[in-house]
Amino acid sequence: MEKKENTDKQNNELKQEKNKKQVKLNEGKKESTNEKQKENNNTILLDLKKKLAENEDRLLRSLAETENLRKRHEKEIHDLRKYAISNFASSLLSIADNFERALLSVPEDLPEDNVLLKNLVIGIRAIEKEFYDVFEKNGIQKFSSLNTKFNPDLHQAVSQIFSDTEEGFVVKEHQKGFKVGERLLRPAMVVVSKGKETKGTKNDDKVEKPKSEDKKKL
């Protein structure tokens, strides 16, 4: 009887030991499975983060392109409105030139008692001023070139002469230049200084001295 009890006791101990080993084995498998699952989760998370970053980058690029396109279209519309008047303005420049020629043709020694001609000149000047006021309201402005350095982007040289003015500077304007906004509407036709004539220099051009285009105000 005692021997049987010992045997049962040993069998129970063996079962317990076996159960413990099985439990440890199961725990090991579970831990291994958890580690693999954790690694898989980390991989999926990194992949999702990467895709999210890529999508965010594409979205930002798309928004930036859309904004640039909007600004470009706004600028094109603004320029179209601003410079649409260019062709019409060009056709009116000859009228501006004629106003200036008419006033320059008035003699400086105009008799004070010539009231009719005096009033006519005053009227022409008033019309000319109103004409240029309308130009300025529409972004059209004339620019002065006298005594400025010759600029091929703004000036058209018709000749060069020797003068006391520094070489390369404009000494005479044959025709005023005009701009629409920042764009050139018509270049100024100018005479450019070659500087002072030195001894031994052959002067093929007639020496002109700049004449004032401003006449005596009546």
C-alpha atoms as a PDB file:
ATOM      1  CA  MET A   1       0.000   0.000   0.000  1.00  0.00           C
ATOM      2  CA  GLU A   2       2.763   2.371   0.926  1.00  0.00           C
ATOM      3  CA  LYS A   3       4.603   1.501  -2.247  1.00  0.00           C
ATOM      4  CA  LYS A   4       1.556   2.369  -4.328  1.00  0.00           C
ATOM      5  CA  GLU A   5       1.242   5.703  -2.640  1.00  0.00           C
ATOM      6  CA  ASN A   6       4.868   6.493  -3.414  1.00  0.00           C
ATOM      7  CA  THR A   7       4.312   5.552  -7.035  1.00  0.00           C
ATOM      8  CA  ASP A   8       1.245   7.767  -7.279  1.00  0.00           C
ATOM      9  CA  LYS A   9       3.148  10.542  -5.647  1.00  0.00           C
ATOM     10  CA  GLN A  10       5.983  10.204  -8.155  1.00  0.00           C
ATOM     11  CA  ASN A  11       3.499  10.118 -11.012  1.00  0.00           C
ATOM     12  CA  ASN A  12       1.868  13.284  -9.738  1.00  0.00           C
ATOM     13  CA  GLU A  13       5.213  14.997  -9.451  1.00  0.00           C
ATOM     14  CA  LEU A  14       6.093  13.932 -12.967  1.00  0.00           C
ATOM     15  CA  LYS A  15       2.759  15.259 -14.242  1.00  0.00           C
ATOM     16  CA  GLN A  16       3.293  18.556 -12.435  1.00  0.00           C
ATOM     17  CA  GLU A  17       6.799  18.841 -13.834  1.00  0.00           C
ATOM     18  CA  LYS A  18       5.495  18.055 -17.284  1.00  0.00           C
ATOM     19  CA  ASN A  19       2.717  20.566 -16.890  1.00  0.00           C
ATOM     20  CA  LYS A  20       5.233  23.195 -15.783  1.00  0.00           C
ATOM     21  CA  LYS A  21       7.394  22.496 -18.808  1.00  0.00           C
ATOM     22  CA  GLN A  22       4.353  22.673 -21.061  1.00  0.00           C
ATOM     23  CA  VAL A  23       3.338  25.960 -19.479  1.00  0.00           C
ATOM     24  CA  LYS A  24       6.826  27.378 -19.996  1.00  0.00           C
ATOM     25  CA  LEU A  25       6.823  26.106 -23.573  1.00  0.00           C
ATOM     26  CA  ASN A  26       3.455  27.694 -24.212  1.00  0.00           C
ATOM     27  CA  GLU A  27       4.633  30.942 -22.636  1.00  0.00           C
ATOM     28  CA  GLY A  28       7.732  30.872 -24.818  1.00  0.00           C
ATOM     29  CA  LYS A  29       5.640  30.333 -27.943  1.00  0.00           C
ATOM     30  CA  LYS A  30       3.289  33.079 -26.836  1.00  0.00           C
ATOM     31  CA  GLU A  31       6.168  35.478 -26.245  1.00  0.00           C
ATOM     32  CA  SER A  32       7.649  34.565 -29.632  1.00  0.00           C
ATOM     33  CA  THR A  33       4.268  35.120 -31.274  1.00  0.00           C
ATOM     34  CA  ASN A  34       3.887  38.440 -29.477  1.00  0.00           C
ATOM     35  CA  GLU A  35       7.359  39.529 -30.604  1.00  0.00           C
ATOM     36  CA  LYS A  36       6.574  38.642 -34.201  1.00  0.00           C
ATOM     37  CA  GLN A  37       3.237  40.409 -33.959  1.00  0.00           C
ATOM     38  CA  LYS A  38       4.962  43.423 -32.451  1.00  0.00           C
ATOM     39  CA  GLU A  39       7.518  43.471 -35.266  1.00  0.00           C
ATOM     40  CA  ASN A  40       4.736  43.174 -37.836  1.00  0.00           C
ATOM     41  CA  ASN A  41       2.846  45.993 -36.160  1.00  0.00           C
ATOM     42  CA  ASN A  42       5.956  48.172 -36.150  1.00  0.00           C
ATOM     43  CA  THR A  43       6.527  47.415 -39.837  1.00  0.00           C
ATOM     44  CA  ILE A  44       2.917  48.262 -40.670  1.00  0.00           C
ATOM     45  CA  LEU A  45       3.143  51.440 -38.571  1.00  0.00           C
ATOM     46  CA  LEU A  46       6.349  52.555 -40.295  1.00  0.00           C
ATOM     47  CA  ASP A  47       4.806  51.819 -43.686  1.00  0.00           C
ATOM     48  CA  LEU A  48       1.711  53.822 -42.786  1.00  0.00           C
ATOM     49  CA  LYS A  49       3.837  56.724 -41.531  1.00  0.00           C
ATOM     50  CA  LYS A  50       5.847  56.657 -44.765  1.00  0.00           C
ATOM     51  CA  LYS A  51       2.703  56.635 -46.891  1.00  0.00           C
ATOM     52  CA  LEU A  52       1.212  59.412 -44.767  1.00  0.00           C
ATOM     53  CA  ALA A  53       4.354  61.529 -45.210  1.00  0.00           C
ATOM     54  CA  GLU A  54       4.308  60.896 -48.984  1.00  0.00           C
ATOM     55  CA  ASN A  55       0.630  61.825 -49.227  1.00  0.00           C
ATOM     56  CA  GLU A  56       1.208  64.916 -47.101  1.00  0.00           C
ATOM     57  CA  ASP A  57       4.115  65.948 -49.344  1.00  0.00           C
ATOM     58  CA  ARG A  58       2.013  65.413 -52.480  1.00  0.00           C
ATOM     59  CA  LEU A  59      -0.819  67.413 -50.946  1.00  0.00           C
ATOM     60  CA  LEU A  60       1.502  70.305 -50.026  1.00  0.00           C
ATOM     61  CA  ARG A  61       3.023  70.289 -53.514  1.00  0.00           C
ATOM     62  CA  SER A  62      -0.418  70.266 -55.055  1.00  0.00           C
ATOM     63  CA  LEU A  63      -1.537  73.168 -52.864  1.00  0.00           C
ATOM     64  CA  ALA A  64       1.639  75.111 -53.705  1.00  0.00           C
ATOM     65  CA  GLU A  65       1.141  74.512 -57.441  1.00  0.00           C
ATOM     66  CA  THR A  66      -2.490  75.583 -57.158  1.00  0.00           C
ATOM     67  CA  GLU A  67      -1.491  78.753 -55.312  1.00  0.00           C
ATOM     68  CA  ASN A  68       1.223  79.554 -57.873  1.00  0.00           C
ATOM     69  CA  LEU A  69      -1.255  78.960 -60.686  1.00  0.00           C
ATOM     70  CA  ARG A  70      -3.789  81.245 -59.019  1.00  0.00           C
ATOM     71  CA  LYS A  71      -1.194  83.997 -58.569  1.00  0.00           C
ATOM     72  CA  ARG A  72      -0.021  83.614 -62.159  1.00  0.00           C
ATOM     73  CA  HIS A  73      -3.570  83.880 -63.463  1.00  0.00           C
ATOM     74  CA  GLU A  74      -4.209  86.923 -61.277  1.00  0.00           C
ATOM     75  CA  LYS A  75      -1.044  88.565 -62.633  1.00  0.00           C
ATOM     76  CA  GLU A  76      -2.028  87.755 -66.217  1.00  0.00           C
ATOM     77  CA  ILE A  77      -5.480  89.260 -65.660  1.00  0.00           C
ATOM     78  CA  HIS A  78      -3.927  92.298 -63.954  1.00  0.00           C
ATOM     79  CA  ASP A  79      -1.426  92.783 -66.810  1.00  0.00           C
ATOM     80  CA  LEU A  80      -4.154  92.285 -69.396  1.00  0.00           C
ATOM     81  CA  ARG A  81      -6.238  95.018 -67.803  1.00  0.00           C
ATOM     82  CA  LYS A  82      -3.215  97.243 -67.282  1.00  0.00           C
ATOM     83  CA  TYR A  83      -1.691  96.938 -70.749  1.00  0.00           C
ATOM     84  CA  ALA A  84      -4.811  96.373 -72.855  1.00  0.00           C
ATOM     85  CA  ILE A  85      -4.816 100.104 -73.566  1.00  0.00           C
ATOM     86  CA  SER A  86      -1.348  99.988 -75.199  1.00  0.00           C
ATOM     87  CA  ASN A  87      -2.541  99.789 -78.823  1.00  0.00           C
ATOM     88  CA  PHE A  88      -5.098 102.529 -78.316  1.00  0.00           C
ATOM     89  CA  ALA A  89      -2.549 104.727 -76.531  1.00  0.00           C
ATOM     90  CA  SER A  90       0.000 104.253 -79.336  1.00  0.00           C
ATOM     91  CA  SER A  91      -2.479 105.662 -81.838  1.00  0.00           C
ATOM     92  CA  LEU A  92      -2.872 108.798 -79.693  1.00  0.00           C
ATOM     93  CA  LEU A  93       0.843 109.574 -79.347  1.00  0.00           C
ATOM     94  CA  SER A  94       0.906 111.476 -82.635  1.00  0.00           C
ATOM     95  CA  ILE A  95      -1.721 113.818 -81.150  1.00  0.00           C
ATOM     96  CA  ALA A  96       0.513 114.401 -78.129  1.00  0.00           C
ATOM     97  CA  ASP A  97       3.408 115.154 -80.485  1.00  0.00           C
ATOM     98  CA  ASN A  98       1.292 117.650 -82.410  1.00  0.00           C
ATOM     99  CA  PHE A  99       0.345 119.471 -79.198  1.00  0.00           C
ATOM    100  CA  GLU A 100       4.024 119.824 -78.365  1.00  0.00           C
ATOM    101  CA  ARG A 101       4.956 120.979 -81.884  1.00  0.00           C
ATOM    102  CA  ALA A 102       2.148 123.526 -81.845  1.00  0.00           C
ATOM    103  CA  LEU A 103       3.384 125.040 -78.583  1.00  0.00           C
ATOM    104  CA  LEU A 104       7.026 125.014 -79.716  1.00  0.00           C
ATOM    105  CA  SER A 105       6.051 126.897 -82.873  1.00  0.00           C
ATOM    106  CA  VAL A 106       4.813 129.877 -80.854  1.00  0.00           C
ATOM    107  CA  PRO A 107       7.507 132.601 -80.947  1.00  0.00           C
ATOM    108  CA  GLU A 108       9.067 133.612 -77.651  1.00  0.00           C
ATOM    109  CA  ASP A 109       8.737 137.297 -78.469  1.00  0.00           C
ATOM    110  CA  LEU A 110       4.973 137.109 -78.914  1.00  0.00           C
ATOM    111  CA  PRO A 111       3.526 140.618 -78.512  1.00  0.00           C
ATOM    112  CA  GLU A 112       1.669 141.103 -75.256  1.00  0.00           C
ATOM    113  CA  ASP A 113      -1.158 142.876 -77.048  1.00  0.00           C
ATOM    114  CA  ASN A 114      -1.914 139.895 -79.282  1.00  0.00           C
ATOM    115  CA  VAL A 115      -4.758 138.709 -77.082  1.00  0.00           C
ATOM    116  CA  LEU A 116      -6.273 136.351 -79.658  1.00  0.00           C
ATOM    117  CA  LEU A 117      -3.092 134.321 -80.155  1.00  0.00           C
ATOM    118  CA  LYS A 118      -2.326 134.450 -76.426  1.00  0.00           C
ATOM    119  CA  ASN A 119      -5.728 132.965 -75.582  1.00  0.00           C
ATOM    120  CA  LEU A 120      -5.276 130.350 -78.319  1.00  0.00           C
ATOM    121  CA  VAL A 121      -1.963 129.228 -76.767  1.00  0.00           C
ATOM    122  CA  ILE A 122      -3.552 129.125 -73.298  1.00  0.00           C
ATOM    123  CA  GLY A 123      -6.357 126.974 -74.712  1.00  0.00           C
ATOM    124  CA  ILE A 124      -3.912 124.566 -76.395  1.00  0.00           C
ATOM    125  CA  ARG A 125      -1.956 124.220 -73.162  1.00  0.00           C
ATOM    126  CA  ALA A 126      -5.141 123.509 -71.207  1.00  0.00           C
ATOM    127  CA  ILE A 127      -6.178 120.822 -73.712  1.00  0.00           C
ATOM    128  CA  GLU A 128      -2.683 119.338 -73.646  1.00  0.00           C
ATOM    129  CA  LYS A 129      -2.724 119.184 -69.835  1.00  0.00           C
ATOM    130  CA  GLU A 130      -6.130 117.502 -69.821  1.00  0.00           C
ATOM    131  CA  PHE A 131      -4.884 115.095 -72.488  1.00  0.00           C
ATOM    132  CA  TYR A 132      -1.894 114.052 -70.352  1.00  0.00           C
ATOM    133  CA  ASP A 133      -4.093 113.851 -67.220  1.00  0.00           C
ATOM    134  CA  VAL A 134      -6.228 111.252 -68.998  1.00  0.00           C
ATOM    135  CA  PHE A 135      -3.057 109.416 -69.997  1.00  0.00           C
ATOM    136  CA  GLU A 136      -1.814 109.329 -66.398  1.00  0.00           C
ATOM    137  CA  LYS A 137      -5.151 108.098 -65.064  1.00  0.00           C
ATOM    138  CA  ASN A 138      -4.776 105.113 -67.398  1.00  0.00           C
ATOM    139  CA  GLY A 139      -1.168 104.415 -66.407  1.00  0.00           C
ATOM    140  CA  ILE A 140       0.457 106.121 -69.419  1.00  0.00           C
ATOM    141  CA  GLN A 141       3.319 108.488 -68.667  1.00  0.00           C
ATOM    142  CA  LYS A 142       5.896 110.319 -70.709  1.00  0.00           C
ATOM    143  CA  PHE A 143       9.467 110.349 -69.475  1.00  0.00           C
ATOM    144  CA  SER A 144      12.201 112.922 -69.871  1.00  0.00           C
ATOM    145  CA  SER A 145      15.504 111.924 -71.453  1.00  0.00           C
ATOM    146  CA  LEU A 146      17.482 115.169 -71.560  1.00  0.00           C
ATOM    147  CA  ASN A 147      20.763 115.014 -69.625  1.00  0.00           C
ATOM    148  CA  THR A 148      20.238 111.340 -68.793  1.00  0.00           C
ATOM    149  CA  LYS A 149      22.586 108.549 -69.816  1.00  0.00           C
ATOM    150  CA  PHE A 150      21.646 106.853 -73.073  1.00  0.00           C
ATOM    151  CA  ASN A 151      19.668 103.690 -72.384  1.00  0.00           C
ATOM    152  CA  PRO A 152      19.015 101.402 -75.378  1.00  0.00           C
ATOM    153  CA  ASP A 153      15.952 100.035 -73.581  1.00  0.00           C
ATOM    154  CA  LEU A 154      14.375 103.509 -73.479  1.00  0.00           C
ATOM    155  CA  HIS A 155      16.065 105.546 -76.197  1.00  0.00           C
ATOM    156  CA  GLN A 156      16.464 105.429 -79.945  1.00  0.00           C
ATOM    157  CA  ALA A 157      19.546 107.383 -81.042  1.00  0.00           C
ATOM    158  CA  VAL A 158      19.128 109.242 -84.316  1.00  0.00           C
ATOM    159  CA  SER A 159      22.583 110.845 -84.272  1.00  0.00           C
ATOM    160  CA  GLN A 160      25.653 111.661 -82.185  1.00  0.00           C
ATOM    161  CA  ILE A 161      27.257 115.051 -81.857  1.00  0.00           C
ATOM    162  CA  PHE A 162      30.181 116.687 -80.090  1.00  0.00           C
ATOM    163  CA  SER A 163      29.083 118.835 -77.172  1.00  0.00           C
ATOM    164  CA  ASP A 164      30.110 120.044 -73.740  1.00  0.00           C
ATOM    165  CA  THR A 165      27.904 117.334 -72.233  1.00  0.00           C
ATOM    166  CA  GLU A 166      29.567 114.139 -71.032  1.00  0.00           C
ATOM    167  CA  GLU A 167      29.849 111.403 -73.626  1.00  0.00           C
ATOM    168  CA  GLY A 168      26.954 108.988 -73.744  1.00  0.00           C
ATOM    169  CA  PHE A 169      24.381 111.435 -72.378  1.00  0.00           C
ATOM    170  CA  VAL A 170      21.292 112.684 -74.206  1.00  0.00           C
ATOM    171  CA  VAL A 171      21.612 116.297 -75.363  1.00  0.00           C
ATOM    172  CA  LYS A 172      18.455 116.630 -77.433  1.00  0.00           C
ATOM    173  CA  GLU A 173      15.032 115.010 -77.754  1.00  0.00           C
ATOM    174  CA  HIS A 174      13.366 114.797 -81.146  1.00  0.00           C
ATOM    175  CA  GLN A 175      10.431 112.843 -79.754  1.00  0.00           C
ATOM    176  CA  LYS A 176       9.263 112.110 -76.213  1.00  0.00           C
ATOM    177  CA  GLY A 177       9.223 108.580 -74.887  1.00  0.00           C
ATOM    178  CA  PHE A 178       6.198 106.994 -73.210  1.00  0.00           C
ATOM    179  CA  LYS A 179       5.561 104.078 -70.856  1.00  0.00           C
ATOM    180  CA  VAL A 180       2.494 102.055 -69.909  1.00  0.00           C
ATOM    181  CA  GLY A 181       3.101 101.025 -66.332  1.00  0.00           C
ATOM    182  CA  GLU A 182       6.598  99.546 -66.374  1.00  0.00           C
ATOM    183  CA  ARG A 183       6.498  98.682 -70.077  1.00  0.00           C
ATOM    184  CA  LEU A 184       7.893 100.846 -72.826  1.00  0.00           C
ATOM    185  CA  LEU A 185       5.181 102.182 -75.119  1.00  0.00           C
ATOM    186  CA  ARG A 186       7.469 104.214 -77.381  1.00  0.00           C
ATOM    187  CA  PRO A 187      11.210 104.913 -77.131  1.00  0.00           C
ATOM    188  CA  ALA A 188      12.400 108.496 -77.077  1.00  0.00           C
ATOM    189  CA  MET A 189      14.171 109.631 -80.250  1.00  0.00           C
ATOM    190  CA  VAL A 190      17.320 111.351 -79.052  1.00  0.00           C
ATOM    191  CA  VAL A 191      20.657 112.867 -79.988  1.00  0.00           C
ATOM    192  CA  VAL A 192      23.579 111.533 -77.958  1.00  0.00           C
ATOM    193  CA  SER A 193      26.694 113.441 -76.951  1.00  0.00           C
ATOM    194  CA  LYS A 194      30.118 112.285 -78.155  1.00  0.00           C
ATOM    195  CA  GLY A 195      31.783 114.497 -75.590  1.00  0.00           C
ATOM    196  CA  LYS A 196      34.023 117.469 -76.280  1.00  0.00           C
ATOM    197  CA  GLU A 197      35.785 117.654 -79.621  1.00  0.00           C
ATOM    198  CA  THR A 198      39.530 117.352 -79.184  1.00  0.00           C
ATOM    199  CA  LYS A 199      42.248 118.714 -81.457  1.00  0.00           C
ATOM    200  CA  GLY A 200      42.966 116.453 -84.377  1.00  0.00           C
ATOM    201  CA  THR A 201      39.511 114.862 -84.204  1.00  0.00           C
ATOM    202  CA  LYS A 202      37.628 115.051 -87.450  1.00  0.00           C
ATOM    203  CA  ASN A 203      34.110 116.209 -86.823  1.00  0.00           C
ATOM    204  CA  ASP A 204      31.878 114.569 -89.373  1.00  0.00           C
ATOM    205  CA  ASP A 205      28.745 115.648 -87.571  1.00  0.00           C
ATOM    206  CA  LYS A 206      27.451 119.127 -87.289  1.00  0.00           C
ATOM    207  CA  VAL A 207      27.962 120.326 -83.745  1.00  0.00           C
ATOM    208  CA  GLU A 208      24.628 121.096 -82.183  1.00  0.00           C
ATOM    209  CA  LYS A 209      24.061 122.809 -78.924  1.00  0.00           C
ATOM    210  CA  PRO A 210      21.017 121.550 -77.039  1.00  0.00           C
ATOM    211  CA  LYS A 211      18.110 123.920 -77.351  1.00  0.00           C
ATOM    212  CA  SER A 212      15.617 124.373 -74.620  1.00  0.00           C
ATOM    213  CA  GLU A 213      12.193 123.064 -75.549  1.00  0.00           C
ATOM    214  CA  ASP A 214      10.567 125.163 -72.881  1.00  0.00           C
ATOM    215  CA  LYS A 215       9.151 128.366 -74.252  1.00  0.00           C
ATOM    216  CA  LYS A 216       8.323 131.522 -72.433  1.00  0.00           C
ATOM    217  CA  LYS A 217       5.089 131.072 -70.536  1.00  0.00           C
ATOM    218  CA  LEU A 218       2.376 133.412 -71.678  1.00  0.00           C
END
